[in-house]
Amino acid sequence: MSIDVDVLVEAYTILKQYIPAKERQEAADNLAGMLNDAISEKEFKEFGMVDNYAHRAVGQYMDEDYQDYGDYEE
């Protein structure tokens, strides 16, 4: 099964509003851990551009150059 990254980003954006702010990084970390093997590297990087939480979570799985990869939404 393949998932469209746009659908994934939309779902993440909707659901994160129901997660208390202090738990959002852990939620993003867990989601990134699952997505790391489920989607392509390009899609994974695209997911990491959604917000600060996703960017940090994806950064744990990417090389050091990733931290300077593009701009993410606030």
PDB file of N, CA and C in Angstrom:
ATOM      1  N   MET A   1       0.838  -1.179   0.000  1.00  0.00           N
ATOM      2  CA  MET A   1       0.000   0.000   0.000  1.00  0.00           C
ATOM      3  C   MET A   1       0.882   1.242   0.000  1.00  0.00           C
ATOM      4  N   SER A   2       0.542   2.156  -0.837  1.00  0.00           N
ATOM      5  CA  SER A   2       1.275   3.410  -0.926  1.00  0.00           C
ATOM      6  C   SER A   2       0.368   4.548  -0.474  1.00  0.00           C
ATOM      7  N   ILE A   3       0.931   5.497   0.217  1.00  0.00           N
ATOM      8  CA  ILE A   3       0.151   6.637   0.688  1.00  0.00           C
ATOM      9  C   ILE A   3       0.692   7.908   0.053  1.00  0.00           C
ATOM     10  N   ASP A   4      -0.205   8.740  -0.401  1.00  0.00           N
ATOM     11  CA  ASP A   4       0.173  10.015  -0.985  1.00  0.00           C
ATOM     12  C   ASP A   4       0.678  10.933   0.127  1.00  0.00           C
ATOM     13  N   VAL A   5       1.829  11.537  -0.056  1.00  0.00           N
ATOM     14  CA  VAL A   5       2.424  12.368   0.985  1.00  0.00           C
ATOM     15  C   VAL A   5       1.537  13.581   1.295  1.00  0.00           C
ATOM     16  N   ASP A   6       0.793  14.080   0.316  1.00  0.00           N
ATOM     17  CA  ASP A   6      -0.113  15.205   0.581  1.00  0.00           C
ATOM     18  C   ASP A   6      -1.223  14.807   1.553  1.00  0.00           C
ATOM     19  N   VAL A   7      -1.732  13.589   1.404  1.00  0.00           N
ATOM     20  CA  VAL A   7      -2.754  13.092   2.315  1.00  0.00           C
ATOM     21  C   VAL A   7      -2.152  12.914   3.707  1.00  0.00           C
ATOM     22  N   LEU A   8      -0.959  12.390   3.764  1.00  0.00           N
ATOM     23  CA  LEU A   8      -0.264  12.203   5.029  1.00  0.00           C
ATOM     24  C   LEU A   8      -0.066  13.538   5.751  1.00  0.00           C
ATOM     25  N   VAL A   9       0.398  14.544   5.033  1.00  0.00           N
ATOM     26  CA  VAL A   9       0.627  15.869   5.616  1.00  0.00           C
ATOM     27  C   VAL A   9      -0.686  16.461   6.113  1.00  0.00           C
ATOM     28  N   GLU A  10      -1.735  16.330   5.324  1.00  0.00           N
ATOM     29  CA  GLU A  10      -3.053  16.846   5.722  1.00  0.00           C
ATOM     30  C   GLU A  10      -3.544  16.167   6.995  1.00  0.00           C
ATOM     31  N   ALA A  11      -3.428  14.848   7.069  1.00  0.00           N
ATOM     32  CA  ALA A  11      -3.848  14.108   8.252  1.00  0.00           C
ATOM     33  C   ALA A  11      -3.030  14.518   9.468  1.00  0.00           C
ATOM     34  N   TYR A  12      -1.721  14.627   9.307  1.00  0.00           N
ATOM     35  CA  TYR A  12      -0.842  15.047  10.396  1.00  0.00           C
ATOM     36  C   TYR A  12      -1.237  16.431  10.902  1.00  0.00           C
ATOM     37  N   THR A  13      -1.484  17.351   9.982  1.00  0.00           N
ATOM     38  CA  THR A  13      -1.840  18.724  10.347  1.00  0.00           C
ATOM     39  C   THR A  13      -3.161  18.768  11.117  1.00  0.00           C
ATOM     40  N   ILE A  14      -4.117  17.980  10.685  1.00  0.00           N
ATOM     41  CA  ILE A  14      -5.409  17.940  11.375  1.00  0.00           C
ATOM     42  C   ILE A  14      -5.266  17.323  12.756  1.00  0.00           C
ATOM     43  N   LEU A  15      -4.600  16.195  12.833  1.00  0.00           N
ATOM     44  CA  LEU A  15      -4.513  15.468  14.096  1.00  0.00           C
ATOM     45  C   LEU A  15      -3.645  16.153  15.145  1.00  0.00           C
ATOM     46  N   LYS A  16      -2.629  16.885  14.733  1.00  0.00           N
ATOM     47  CA  LYS A  16      -1.721  17.467  15.736  1.00  0.00           C
ATOM     48  C   LYS A  16      -2.408  18.514  16.595  1.00  0.00           C
ATOM     49  N   GLN A  17      -3.506  19.106  16.105  1.00  0.00           N
ATOM     50  CA  GLN A  17      -4.216  20.082  16.916  1.00  0.00           C
ATOM     51  C   GLN A  17      -4.886  19.440  18.139  1.00  0.00           C
ATOM     52  N   TYR A  18      -5.048  18.117  18.107  1.00  0.00           N
ATOM     53  CA  TYR A  18      -5.648  17.396  19.223  1.00  0.00           C
ATOM     54  C   TYR A  18      -4.607  16.835  20.192  1.00  0.00           C
ATOM     55  N   ILE A  19      -3.347  17.044  19.877  1.00  0.00           N
ATOM     56  CA  ILE A  19      -2.254  16.564  20.729  1.00  0.00           C
ATOM     57  C   ILE A  19      -1.737  17.743  21.541  1.00  0.00           C
ATOM     58  N   PRO A  20      -1.654  17.607  22.863  1.00  0.00           N
ATOM     59  CA  PRO A  20      -1.120  18.709  23.666  1.00  0.00           C
ATOM     60  C   PRO A  20       0.281  19.104  23.182  1.00  0.00           C
ATOM     61  N   ALA A  21       0.564  20.388  23.199  1.00  0.00           N
ATOM     62  CA  ALA A  21       1.836  20.915  22.661  1.00  0.00           C
ATOM     63  C   ALA A  21       3.044  20.197  23.248  1.00  0.00           C
ATOM     64  N   LYS A  22       3.016  19.883  24.518  1.00  0.00           N
ATOM     65  CA  LYS A  22       4.182  19.248  25.145  1.00  0.00           C
ATOM     66  C   LYS A  22       4.404  17.810  24.664  1.00  0.00           C
ATOM     67  N   GLU A  23       3.417  17.210  23.983  1.00  0.00           N
ATOM     68  CA  GLU A  23       3.545  15.847  23.495  1.00  0.00           C
ATOM     69  C   GLU A  23       3.700  15.760  21.980  1.00  0.00           C
ATOM     70  N   ARG A  24       3.700  16.893  21.300  1.00  0.00           N
ATOM     71  CA  ARG A  24       3.750  16.887  19.834  1.00  0.00           C
ATOM     72  C   ARG A  24       5.072  16.381  19.283  1.00  0.00           C
ATOM     73  N   GLN A  25       6.185  16.694  19.935  1.00  0.00           N
ATOM     74  CA  GLN A  25       7.467  16.199  19.421  1.00  0.00           C
ATOM     75  C   GLN A  25       7.533  14.689  19.497  1.00  0.00           C
ATOM     76  N   GLU A  26       7.079  14.132  20.596  1.00  0.00           N
ATOM     77  CA  GLU A  26       7.088  12.669  20.728  1.00  0.00           C
ATOM     78  C   GLU A  26       6.181  12.027  19.680  1.00  0.00           C
ATOM     79  N   ALA A  27       5.025  12.629  19.426  1.00  0.00           N
ATOM     80  CA  ALA A  27       4.115  12.106  18.402  1.00  0.00           C
ATOM     81  C   ALA A  27       4.772  12.165  17.022  1.00  0.00           C
ATOM     82  N   ALA A  28       5.412  13.279  16.697  1.00  0.00           N
ATOM     83  CA  ALA A  28       6.100  13.416  15.406  1.00  0.00           C
ATOM     84  C   ALA A  28       7.249  12.426  15.297  1.00  0.00           C
ATOM     85  N   ASP A  29       7.979  12.210  16.385  1.00  0.00           N
ATOM     86  CA  ASP A  29       9.079  11.245  16.391  1.00  0.00           C
ATOM     87  C   ASP A  29       8.570   9.834  16.089  1.00  0.00           C
ATOM     88  N   ASN A  30       7.469   9.454  16.732  1.00  0.00           N
ATOM     89  CA  ASN A  30       6.904   8.119  16.514  1.00  0.00           C
ATOM     90  C   ASN A  30       6.397   7.957  15.087  1.00  0.00           C
ATOM     91  N   LEU A  31       5.751   8.974  14.576  1.00  0.00           N
ATOM     92  CA  LEU A  31       5.259   8.916  13.197  1.00  0.00           C
ATOM     93  C   LEU A  31       6.422   8.835  12.212  1.00  0.00           C
ATOM     94  N   ALA A  32       7.458   9.625  12.421  1.00  0.00           N
ATOM     95  CA  ALA A  32       8.630   9.594  11.539  1.00  0.00           C
ATOM     96  C   ALA A  32       9.297   8.225  11.570  1.00  0.00           C
ATOM     97  N   GLY A  33       9.336   7.616  12.736  1.00  0.00           N
ATOM     98  CA  GLY A  33       9.912   6.275  12.843  1.00  0.00           C
ATOM     99  C   GLY A  33       9.180   5.262  11.988  1.00  0.00           C
ATOM    100  N   MET A  34       7.863   5.371  11.954  1.00  0.00           N
ATOM    101  CA  MET A  34       7.061   4.477  11.142  1.00  0.00           C
ATOM    102  C   MET A  34       7.203   4.814   9.651  1.00  0.00           C
ATOM    103  N   LEU A  35       7.212   6.096   9.328  1.00  0.00           N
ATOM    104  CA  LEU A  35       7.273   6.525   7.932  1.00  0.00           C
ATOM    105  C   LEU A  35       8.641   6.301   7.294  1.00  0.00           C
ATOM    106  N   ASN A  36       9.675   6.245   8.095  1.00  0.00           N
ATOM    107  CA  ASN A  36      11.033   6.098   7.581  1.00  0.00           C
ATOM    108  C   ASN A  36      11.149   4.927   6.610  1.00  0.00           C
ATOM    109  N   ASP A  37      10.474   3.847   6.886  1.00  0.00           N
ATOM    110  CA  ASP A  37      10.537   2.667   6.024  1.00  0.00           C
ATOM    111  C   ASP A  37       9.354   2.565   5.069  1.00  0.00           C
ATOM    112  N   ALA A  38       8.346   3.414   5.244  1.00  0.00           N
ATOM    113  CA  ALA A  38       7.107   3.268   4.487  1.00  0.00           C
ATOM    114  C   ALA A  38       7.012   4.162   3.256  1.00  0.00           C
ATOM    115  N   ILE A  39       7.786   5.254   3.218  1.00  0.00           N
ATOM    116  CA  ILE A  39       7.713   6.178   2.089  1.00  0.00           C
ATOM    117  C   ILE A  39       9.118   6.451   1.568  1.00  0.00           C
ATOM    118  N   SER A  40       9.191   7.040   0.387  1.00  0.00           N
ATOM    119  CA  SER A  40      10.501   7.314  -0.212  1.00  0.00           C
ATOM    120  C   SER A  40      11.236   8.410   0.552  1.00  0.00           C
ATOM    121  N   GLU A  41      12.535   8.513   0.317  1.00  0.00           N
ATOM    122  CA  GLU A  41      13.332   9.544   0.981  1.00  0.00           C
ATOM    123  C   GLU A  41      12.837  10.942   0.611  1.00  0.00           C
ATOM    124  N   LYS A  42      12.490  11.124  -0.655  1.00  0.00           N
ATOM    125  CA  LYS A  42      11.974  12.423  -1.099  1.00  0.00           C
ATOM    126  C   LYS A  42      10.685  12.777  -0.357  1.00  0.00           C
ATOM    127  N   GLU A  43       9.765  11.821  -0.243  1.00  0.00           N
ATOM    128  CA  GLU A  43       8.513  12.043   0.474  1.00  0.00           C
ATOM    129  C   GLU A  43       8.762  12.269   1.962  1.00  0.00           C
ATOM    130  N   PHE A  44       9.717  11.543   2.506  1.00  0.00           N
ATOM    131  CA  PHE A  44      10.075  11.687   3.921  1.00  0.00           C
ATOM    132  C   PHE A  44      10.577  13.103   4.191  1.00  0.00           C
ATOM    133  N   LYS A  45      11.429  13.604   3.309  1.00  0.00           N
ATOM    134  CA  LYS A  45      11.924  14.975   3.452  1.00  0.00           C
ATOM    135  C   LYS A  45      10.781  15.980   3.312  1.00  0.00           C
ATOM    136  N   GLU A  46       9.866  15.714   2.401  1.00  0.00           N
ATOM    137  CA  GLU A  46       8.712  16.591   2.216  1.00  0.00           C
ATOM    138  C   GLU A  46       7.859  16.625   3.486  1.00  0.00           C
ATOM    139  N   PHE A  47       7.666  15.481   4.098  1.00  0.00           N
ATOM    140  CA  PHE A  47       6.937  15.434   5.375  1.00  0.00           C
ATOM    141  C   PHE A  47       7.657  16.269   6.429  1.00  0.00           C
ATOM    142  N   GLY A  48       8.963  16.240   6.418  1.00  0.00           N
ATOM    143  CA  GLY A  48       9.753  16.997   7.384  1.00  0.00           C
ATOM    144  C   GLY A  48       9.636  18.501   7.253  1.00  0.00           C
ATOM    145  N   MET A  49       9.053  18.972   6.173  1.00  0.00           N
ATOM    146  CA  MET A  49       8.894  20.413   5.959  1.00  0.00           C
ATOM    147  C   MET A  49       7.570  20.946   6.521  1.00  0.00           C
ATOM    148  N   VAL A  50       6.763  20.096   7.113  1.00  0.00           N
ATOM    149  CA  VAL A  50       5.443  20.497   7.602  1.00  0.00           C
ATOM    150  C   VAL A  50       5.552  21.489   8.757  1.00  0.00           C
ATOM    151  N   ASP A  51       6.391  21.206   9.733  1.00  0.00           N
ATOM    152  CA  ASP A  51       6.549  22.082  10.891  1.00  0.00           C
ATOM    153  C   ASP A  51       7.843  21.728  11.630  1.00  0.00           C
ATOM    154  N   ASN A  52       8.089  22.442  12.714  1.00  0.00           N
ATOM    155  CA  ASN A  52       9.316  22.211  13.496  1.00  0.00           C
ATOM    156  C   ASN A  52       9.391  20.795  14.052  1.00  0.00           C
ATOM    157  N   TYR A  53       8.263  20.275  14.524  1.00  0.00           N
ATOM    158  CA  TYR A  53       8.247  18.936  15.116  1.00  0.00           C
ATOM    159  C   TYR A  53       8.623  17.878  14.073  1.00  0.00           C
ATOM    160  N   ALA A  54       7.988  17.945  12.927  1.00  0.00           N
ATOM    161  CA  ALA A  54       8.271  16.976  11.863  1.00  0.00           C
ATOM    162  C   ALA A  54       9.710  17.123  11.376  1.00  0.00           C
ATOM    163  N   HIS A  55      10.181  18.354  11.280  1.00  0.00           N
ATOM    164  CA  HIS A  55      11.546  18.600  10.807  1.00  0.00           C
ATOM    165  C   HIS A  55      12.566  17.951  11.754  1.00  0.00           C
ATOM    166  N   ARG A  56      12.383  18.143  13.050  1.00  0.00           N
ATOM    167  CA  ARG A  56      13.305  17.521  14.021  1.00  0.00           C
ATOM    168  C   ARG A  56      13.211  16.001  13.966  1.00  0.00           C
ATOM    169  N   ALA A  57      11.971  15.499  13.854  1.00  0.00           N
ATOM    170  CA  ALA A  57      11.773  14.048  13.845  1.00  0.00           C
ATOM    171  C   ALA A  57      12.424  13.407  12.625  1.00  0.00           C
ATOM    172  N   VAL A  58      12.211  13.982  11.465  1.00  0.00           N
ATOM    173  CA  VAL A  58      12.814  13.451  10.234  1.00  0.00           C
ATOM    174  C   VAL A  58      14.331  13.599  10.288  1.00  0.00           C
ATOM    175  N   GLY A  59      14.803  14.684  10.847  1.00  0.00           N
ATOM    176  CA  GLY A  59      16.240  14.930  10.964  1.00  0.00           C
ATOM    177  C   GLY A  59      16.987  13.848  11.713  1.00  0.00           C
ATOM    178  N   GLN A  60      16.298  13.158  12.614  1.00  0.00           N
ATOM    179  CA  GLN A  60      16.934  12.061  13.361  1.00  0.00           C
ATOM    180  C   GLN A  60      17.313  10.898  12.445  1.00  0.00           C
ATOM    181  N   TYR A  61      16.620  10.784  11.324  1.00  0.00           N
ATOM    182  CA  TYR A  61      16.848   9.670  10.411  1.00  0.00           C
ATOM    183  C   TYR A  61      17.674  10.046   9.188  1.00  0.00           C
ATOM    184  N   MET A  62      17.896  11.338   8.978  1.00  0.00           N
ATOM    185  CA  MET A  62      18.594  11.809   7.792  1.00  0.00           C
ATOM    186  C   MET A  62      20.050  12.152   8.129  1.00  0.00           C
ATOM    187  N   ASP A  63      20.836  12.410   7.094  1.00  0.00           N
ATOM    188  CA  ASP A  63      22.223  12.790   7.323  1.00  0.00           C
ATOM    189  C   ASP A  63      22.304  14.217   7.872  1.00  0.00           C
ATOM    190  N   GLU A  64      23.479  14.624   8.234  1.00  0.00           N
ATOM    191  CA  GLU A  64      23.683  15.930   8.867  1.00  0.00           C
ATOM    192  C   GLU A  64      23.270  17.091   7.974  1.00  0.00           C
ATOM    193  N   ASP A  65      23.366  16.940   6.663  1.00  0.00           N
ATOM    194  CA  ASP A  65      22.996  18.011   5.737  1.00  0.00           C
ATOM    195  C   ASP A  65      21.503  18.300   5.755  1.00  0.00           C
ATOM    196  N   TYR A  66      20.710  17.392   6.256  1.00  0.00           N
ATOM    197  CA  TYR A  66      19.258  17.575   6.241  1.00  0.00           C
ATOM    198  C   TYR A  66      18.825  18.799   7.043  1.00  0.00           C
ATOM    199  N   GLN A  67      19.507  19.096   8.109  1.00  0.00           N
ATOM    200  CA  GLN A  67      19.085  20.207   8.971  1.00  0.00           C
ATOM    201  C   GLN A  67      18.988  21.524   8.217  1.00  0.00           C
ATOM    202  N   ASP A  68      19.711  21.667   7.123  1.00  0.00           N
ATOM    203  CA  ASP A  68      19.660  22.888   6.316  1.00  0.00           C
ATOM    204  C   ASP A  68      18.793  22.710   5.075  1.00  0.00           C
ATOM    205  N   TYR A  69      18.032  21.649   5.020  1.00  0.00           N
ATOM    206  CA  TYR A  69      17.232  21.317   3.842  1.00  0.00           C
ATOM    207  C   TYR A  69      15.932  22.097   3.837  1.00  0.00           C
ATOM    208  N   GLY A  70      15.855  23.129   3.047  1.00  0.00           N
ATOM    209  CA  GLY A  70      14.613  23.859   2.835  1.00  0.00           C
ATOM    210  C   GLY A  70      14.057  24.583   4.039  1.00  0.00           C
ATOM    211  N   ASP A  71      12.900  25.169   3.826  1.00  0.00           N
ATOM    212  CA  ASP A  71      12.190  25.878   4.884  1.00  0.00           C
ATOM    213  C   ASP A  71      10.945  25.094   5.252  1.00  0.00           C
ATOM    214  N   TYR A  72      10.620  25.093   6.511  1.00  0.00           N
ATOM    215  CA  TYR A  72       9.391  24.430   6.959  1.00  0.00           C
ATOM    216  C   TYR A  72       8.462  25.473   7.538  1.00  0.00           C
ATOM    217  N   GLU A  73       7.185  25.116   7.562  1.00  0.00           N
ATOM    218  CA  GLU A  73       6.191  26.055   8.055  1.00  0.00           C
ATOM    219  C   GLU A  73       6.278  26.144   9.571  1.00  0.00           C
ATOM    220  N   GLU A  74       5.901  27.265  10.084  1.00  0.00           N
ATOM    221  CA  GLU A  74       5.905  27.460  11.538  1.00  0.00           C
ATOM    222  C   GLU A  74       4.584  27.054  12.142  1.00  0.00           C
TER     223      GLU A  74
END
